[in-house]
Amino acid sequence: MVEKTCQQEITIGFADVDYRERLRPFRLFELLEDVADVHANMLRVGAQSEVMEGYVWVVARNRYHLDRMPKLGEKLIIKTWPGCCHRAIYPRMFALIDGEGTQIGGVHSIWTLLDIKKQRLAANPEINAMFPDTSDLGIPVEAPGKLKQPVPTQPERFYIPAYSDLDRNRHVNNARYISWICDCFDPKRYEDQTILDLEINYLQQAFAGEEVCLQIQDEKEKFLIQGSDKQTGVALFRAAGTFGYSE
């Protein structure tokens, strides 16, 4: 029997939190990836599955909303299920539930299927058929949309991706972009706030040694950020977010 959903309970540890003992946004995405990978293997569409030979999963867009950020020592249940796939577009949903059983947030991810040899998006009916019908499960957060280019309000920042930024496909892991985004703001801003809403469009892959220029539009609690290849000017990602109070 195909399991429509998969869930894991974790306890937020020291490696997961910031200096205010709140879960760090980029660490949240790493935890989500782990649970999604478990479910993909259950559905026989994981990276090592036979049906995936010649293909790889690539995240295109992410969006999360949290009522509050979980804290050190707290139990967090991450529940995930695939949305309804269409050709080469594969949504994946996440519900974030605290130890009392209250849903405190949700995530809506859009994944695509990449043909490794042709280096382009692909549609594979055999893979699509592996996904269960989850139309009865709903969506915890609206789908991420197309983000606009920021109008910078502060100096540019620059990053050169290194070993710790790379994933198994040898390009910058999607969670690392979130880390770069968080570092665009003064640590003092995180004293009683954190990023409770975040939306990101992954536009092009970034690789080690490729200098990335970050343009930042910061307006009170909201922001827009674009990361571009410094040499070519090609946009690599765009992000929009909102700071909110979270102890």
Foldseek 3Di string as FASTA:
>chain_A
DQDQKFKDKDAAAPVQADPVQFGAQLSVVVVVVVRVQVNCVSLQNHCPRPVQVQKDKDWFKKKKFFQATDGHGWMKMKMKGWAQDDFFKIKMKIFIATPVGHTGMIMITIMGMARNVVRHTGGDVVVNVSHDHPVVVDHGDDHFDDDDDDDFDDDKDKDADDDVQQDPVQFGDPSVVSVVVQVVDDPVVPPFKDWRIKMKGFDATHHGRFMWIKGWDDDPFKIKIWIARPVPRHTGMIMITGMDGHD
